[in-house]
């Protein structure tokens, strides 16, 4: 096997492992419902312009570049459940990391706006 093939196989393996980790850590609709019943705050980390073009009911807009400075005004309790989303899930993932680094313990990335809308839909129990 050539060096190039080994490198390619290693990259495929690493990508697969990251994919499995992402799937294993994704939040589910029942988990979201439980967190909402516990008073979770839904936070949209998109820009104000994106937020104004359409947002989820009850969501608070804290853009990614402002979240670490403004989070205390929205969630002074670092154990409060926080449900983050953005357009694709990338910025909300970054925001989650930043908030965890600040000591927030119950932070969840809902992912994209469309996935967040799906997860936040009321469900029959």
C-alpha atoms as a PDB file:
ATOM      1  CA  UNK A   1       0.000   0.000   0.000  1.00  0.00           C
ATOM      2  CA  UNK A   2       1.369   3.376  -0.969  1.00  0.00           C
ATOM      3  CA  UNK A   3       1.877   6.226   1.449  1.00  0.00           C
ATOM      4  CA  UNK A   4      -0.858   8.207  -0.312  1.00  0.00           C
ATOM      5  CA  UNK A   5      -3.326   5.346   0.179  1.00  0.00           C
ATOM      6  CA  UNK A   6      -2.419   5.077   3.861  1.00  0.00           C
ATOM      7  CA  UNK A   7      -2.944   8.793   4.336  1.00  0.00           C
ATOM      8  CA  UNK A   8      -6.283   8.604   2.526  1.00  0.00           C
ATOM      9  CA  UNK A   9      -7.418   5.675   4.685  1.00  0.00           C
ATOM     10  CA  UNK A  10      -6.347   7.498   7.840  1.00  0.00           C
ATOM     11  CA  UNK A  11      -8.324  10.597   6.803  1.00  0.00           C
ATOM     12  CA  UNK A  12     -11.396   8.491   6.069  1.00  0.00           C
ATOM     13  CA  UNK A  13     -11.097   6.758   9.446  1.00  0.00           C
ATOM     14  CA  UNK A  14     -10.738  10.052  11.322  1.00  0.00           C
ATOM     15  CA  UNK A  15     -13.727  11.537   9.468  1.00  0.00           C
ATOM     16  CA  UNK A  16     -15.815   8.477  10.289  1.00  0.00           C
ATOM     17  CA  UNK A  17     -14.929   8.662  13.981  1.00  0.00           C
ATOM     18  CA  UNK A  18     -15.854  12.361  14.131  1.00  0.00           C
ATOM     19  CA  UNK A  19     -19.135  11.559  12.392  1.00  0.00           C
ATOM     20  CA  UNK A  20     -19.937   8.840  14.932  1.00  0.00           C
ATOM     21  CA  UNK A  21     -19.100  11.143  17.832  1.00  0.00           C
ATOM     22  CA  UNK A  22     -21.351  13.831  16.376  1.00  0.00           C
ATOM     23  CA  UNK A  23     -24.230  11.374  15.994  1.00  0.00           C
ATOM     24  CA  UNK A  24     -23.777  10.065  19.520  1.00  0.00           C
ATOM     25  CA  UNK A  25     -23.871  13.556  21.050  1.00  0.00           C
ATOM     26  CA  UNK A  26     -26.823  14.971  19.081  1.00  0.00           C
ATOM     27  CA  UNK A  27     -29.705  16.113  21.225  1.00  0.00           C
ATOM     28  CA  UNK A  28     -33.110  14.554  20.566  1.00  0.00           C
ATOM     29  CA  UNK A  29     -36.623  16.020  20.527  1.00  0.00           C
ATOM     30  CA  UNK A  30     -37.591  14.355  23.846  1.00  0.00           C
ATOM     31  CA  UNK A  31     -34.444  15.760  25.471  1.00  0.00           C
ATOM     32  CA  UNK A  32     -35.272  19.225  24.116  1.00  0.00           C
ATOM     33  CA  UNK A  33     -38.835  18.977  25.439  1.00  0.00           C
ATOM     34  CA  UNK A  34     -37.524  18.041  28.876  1.00  0.00           C
ATOM     35  CA  UNK A  35     -35.072  20.960  28.896  1.00  0.00           C
ATOM     36  CA  UNK A  36     -37.804  23.367  27.798  1.00  0.00           C
ATOM     37  CA  UNK A  37     -39.977  22.150  30.680  1.00  0.00           C
ATOM     38  CA  UNK A  38     -37.036  23.027  32.941  1.00  0.00           C
ATOM     39  CA  UNK A  39     -36.967  26.601  31.613  1.00  0.00           C
ATOM     40  CA  UNK A  40     -34.346  26.298  28.870  1.00  0.00           C
ATOM     41  CA  UNK A  41     -33.488  29.450  26.957  1.00  0.00           C
ATOM     42  CA  UNK A  42     -33.382  29.192  23.152  1.00  0.00           C
ATOM     43  CA  UNK A  43     -30.517  31.286  21.809  1.00  0.00           C
ATOM     44  CA  UNK A  44     -30.026  32.162  18.139  1.00  0.00           C
ATOM     45  CA  UNK A  45     -26.359  33.020  17.541  1.00  0.00           C
ATOM     46  CA  UNK A  46     -26.848  34.391  14.019  1.00  0.00           C
ATOM     47  CA  UNK A  47     -26.292  38.053  13.176  1.00  0.00           C
ATOM     48  CA  UNK A  48     -29.055  40.557  13.988  1.00  0.00           C
ATOM     49  CA  UNK A  49     -29.808  40.866  10.252  1.00  0.00           C
ATOM     50  CA  UNK A  50     -30.240  37.094   9.920  1.00  0.00           C
ATOM     51  CA  UNK A  51     -32.359  37.004  13.073  1.00  0.00           C
ATOM     52  CA  UNK A  52     -34.592  39.828  11.788  1.00  0.00           C
ATOM     53  CA  UNK A  53     -35.147  37.960   8.512  1.00  0.00           C
ATOM     54  CA  UNK A  54     -36.816  35.126  10.415  1.00  0.00           C
ATOM     55  CA  UNK A  55     -36.403  33.547  13.816  1.00  0.00           C
ATOM     56  CA  UNK A  56     -37.946  30.935  16.061  1.00  0.00           C
ATOM     57  CA  UNK A  57     -40.671  32.016  18.493  1.00  0.00           C
ATOM     58  CA  UNK A  58     -39.203  32.940  21.862  1.00  0.00           C
ATOM     59  CA  UNK A  59     -35.589  32.772  20.700  1.00  0.00           C
ATOM     60  CA  UNK A  60     -33.120  35.328  22.048  1.00  0.00           C
ATOM     61  CA  UNK A  61     -30.574  36.756  19.612  1.00  0.00           C
ATOM     62  CA  UNK A  62     -27.013  36.673  20.946  1.00  0.00           C
ATOM     63  CA  UNK A  63     -24.690  36.776  17.929  1.00  0.00           C
ATOM     64  CA  UNK A  64     -21.625  34.545  18.142  1.00  0.00           C
ATOM     65  CA  UNK A  65     -19.229  37.493  18.305  1.00  0.00           C
ATOM     66  CA  UNK A  66     -21.139  38.961  21.288  1.00  0.00           C
ATOM     67  CA  UNK A  67     -22.213  35.852  23.177  1.00  0.00           C
ATOM     68  CA  UNK A  68     -19.418  35.719  25.746  1.00  0.00           C
ATOM     69  CA  UNK A  69     -19.919  39.390  26.642  1.00  0.00           C
ATOM     70  CA  UNK A  70     -23.729  39.311  26.769  1.00  0.00           C
ATOM     71  CA  UNK A  71     -24.613  35.846  28.060  1.00  0.00           C
ATOM     72  CA  UNK A  72     -24.727  36.924  31.731  1.00  0.00           C
ATOM     73  CA  UNK A  73     -27.556  39.355  30.972  1.00  0.00           C
ATOM     74  CA  UNK A  74     -29.635  36.511  29.517  1.00  0.00           C
ATOM     75  CA  UNK A  75     -28.479  33.597  31.673  1.00  0.00           C
ATOM     76  CA  UNK A  76     -26.791  34.627  34.925  1.00  0.00           C
ATOM     77  CA  UNK A  77     -27.268  31.068  36.249  1.00  0.00           C
ATOM     78  CA  UNK A  78     -24.525  28.954  34.677  1.00  0.00           C
ATOM     79  CA  UNK A  79     -26.582  25.786  35.230  1.00  0.00           C
ATOM     80  CA  UNK A  80     -29.595  27.090  33.274  1.00  0.00           C
ATOM     81  CA  UNK A  81     -30.294  24.939  30.193  1.00  0.00           C
ATOM     82  CA  UNK A  82     -29.295  26.762  27.008  1.00  0.00           C
ATOM     83  CA  UNK A  83     -30.355  25.598  23.534  1.00  0.00           C
ATOM     84  CA  UNK A  84     -28.243  27.168  20.783  1.00  0.00           C
ATOM     85  CA  UNK A  85     -28.785  27.276  17.034  1.00  0.00           C
ATOM     86  CA  UNK A  86     -27.671  29.191  13.952  1.00  0.00           C
ATOM     87  CA  UNK A  87     -28.102  28.777  10.213  1.00  0.00           C
ATOM     88  CA  UNK A  88     -26.075  25.593   9.762  1.00  0.00           C
ATOM     89  CA  UNK A  89     -24.984  24.518  13.255  1.00  0.00           C
ATOM     90  CA  UNK A  90     -21.375  25.645  12.935  1.00  0.00           C
ATOM     91  CA  UNK A  91     -21.616  28.925  14.829  1.00  0.00           C
ATOM     92  CA  UNK A  92     -23.839  27.394  17.493  1.00  0.00           C
ATOM     93  CA  UNK A  93     -21.198  24.692  17.980  1.00  0.00           C
ATOM     94  CA  UNK A  94     -18.560  27.387  18.423  1.00  0.00           C
ATOM     95  CA  UNK A  95     -20.839  29.282  20.821  1.00  0.00           C
ATOM     96  CA  UNK A  96     -21.354  26.114  22.861  1.00  0.00           C
ATOM     97  CA  UNK A  97     -17.602  25.699  23.227  1.00  0.00           C
ATOM     98  CA  UNK A  98     -17.194  29.323  24.295  1.00  0.00           C
ATOM     99  CA  UNK A  99     -19.955  29.082  26.886  1.00  0.00           C
ATOM    100  CA  UNK A 100     -18.618  25.790  28.258  1.00  0.00           C
ATOM    101  CA  UNK A 101     -15.217  27.505  28.623  1.00  0.00           C
ATOM    102  CA  UNK A 102     -16.988  30.237  30.647  1.00  0.00           C
ATOM    103  CA  UNK A 103     -18.377  27.614  33.031  1.00  0.00           C
ATOM    104  CA  UNK A 104     -21.868  27.087  31.612  1.00  0.00           C
ATOM    105  CA  UNK A 105     -22.751  23.476  32.327  1.00  0.00           C
ATOM    106  CA  UNK A 106     -26.008  22.776  30.480  1.00  0.00           C
ATOM    107  CA  UNK A 107     -25.375  24.025  26.931  1.00  0.00           C
ATOM    108  CA  UNK A 108     -26.716  22.189  23.889  1.00  0.00           C
ATOM    109  CA  UNK A 109     -26.260  22.741  20.170  1.00  0.00           C
ATOM    110  CA  UNK A 110     -29.534  22.239  18.326  1.00  0.00           C
ATOM    111  CA  UNK A 111     -27.707  22.700  15.034  1.00  0.00           C
ATOM    112  CA  UNK A 112     -29.247  24.447  12.066  1.00  0.00           C
ATOM    113  CA  UNK A 113     -32.274  26.728  12.132  1.00  0.00           C
ATOM    114  CA  UNK A 114     -34.388  24.088  10.389  1.00  0.00           C
ATOM    115  CA  UNK A 115     -33.284  21.331  12.791  1.00  0.00           C
ATOM    116  CA  UNK A 116     -33.940  23.617  15.765  1.00  0.00           C
ATOM    117  CA  UNK A 117     -37.434  24.391  14.434  1.00  0.00           C
ATOM    118  CA  UNK A 118     -38.106  20.662  14.138  1.00  0.00           C
ATOM    119  CA  UNK A 119     -36.764  19.887  17.638  1.00  0.00           C
ATOM    120  CA  UNK A 120     -38.765  22.719  19.209  1.00  0.00           C
ATOM    121  CA  UNK A 121     -42.101  21.632  17.695  1.00  0.00           C
ATOM    122  CA  UNK A 122     -44.651  20.596  20.294  1.00  0.00           C
ATOM    123  CA  UNK A 123     -45.083  16.830  20.304  1.00  0.00           C
ATOM    124  CA  UNK A 124     -47.950  14.611  21.355  1.00  0.00           C
ATOM    125  CA  UNK A 125     -46.950  12.465  24.307  1.00  0.00           C
END
